[in-house]
């Protein structure tokens, strides 16, 4: 049975009673506790001014990191580092690769725009050599990635999404994947943005070999500016893209050379808006009070997906039929959104938006996401409105 946490999202839900927001794979609604957290960040700045950073990077980040580590089953929260977005973390990872030749990168052709655009641009100037393994067919993706890692290398960096943003297909055996992608001197990176707090995720067995990137904009419901990366010890000890916060603990001492800490802080950047960390801390506290984790949240989303498909799969002429699903309902390895392949996906997106149904379109694919701010009644309202449209 799906959960009913609508009371925890009263501010976002109350803004437009007619809006049916089912883009929960993109901008999630924020729970009410994040509004209080936003004000708390302002009040701390007013009270402490310059000294606020001791609190932000001390107890605030410490609590956030501990919460993230619990949800990912990391052995040590000190391997985590915050960032404003995952793009800056990607750049720091690339800056840790060899500089005397093009960086050899292995990925899939289904990675998010930030990675695709950046690597494609660097490839234009000969700074990156990218091998992109086709994401489909999904059933053999892991095997084909591992095969490429062993035969098309050597690679400096292997980058792959836990859940592919363009389809919702999930790579569930992270131990086997990381084991197959690992190699001497190679950075293995899991993009967990569609996996963190969307699927059960246990990094304990790969925490010593794989980086993991995610953030608060999507399923963590904390909004922008609250991203993070798990950095396995002993890898990429001196990224060239580095900010002054990487030396935060020693700023008052005389600076000589460019020292780096050995924990995740070696990937730290520079001055940032800390309010996102306050919002993320509030969400993690809410999840703890409600007893929620990635497995429970995923089960909630799956229950809503099944309810939705049962209600609309018989609609003649509608866009949401089982035959159009990119990842079928029979496939357990999927994220918290459904993706439909439609020749006129853009047209359907506009038609639905005009009717107060917020979805998301990427090329010929229309995506519907299901989150904690949804209850069964929301899915029923969605199905009823779709019946009128179709």
Foldseek 3Di string as FASTA:
>chain_A
DFDAPLVQQCVVCVPDVQFQEFAQLFFDRAGPLLVVLLVVLVVLCVVQPVNSVCVLVPVLVVLLLVLLCVQQVAPDSLLKDWWQDCLLVVLLLLLLFDDPAAAEEEEAPQADPSVVVVQVVCVVVRNHDYDHHYCPPVVCNLVVSLVCPVPVDDHQEYEYEQARPQAQFGDDCVLSSQVSNDDVNHAYEYECALPFLFARHYCHNPLQGYKYKYACRHFLNLRGGTIMMRHHFPHSQARPQAAPQQCVVCVVPDDDDDDGDRHNSNSYHYDDSSSSSSSSSSSSVVCVVVVGHSHSFNVNLLVLVVLLQVLAQPQPPAQDHQVQWPQHNVDPRGTSKTKGFAPPQVVVQVLCVVSNYHWDDDHRITMGGDGSSDDNVSSVVVSVSSNVSD
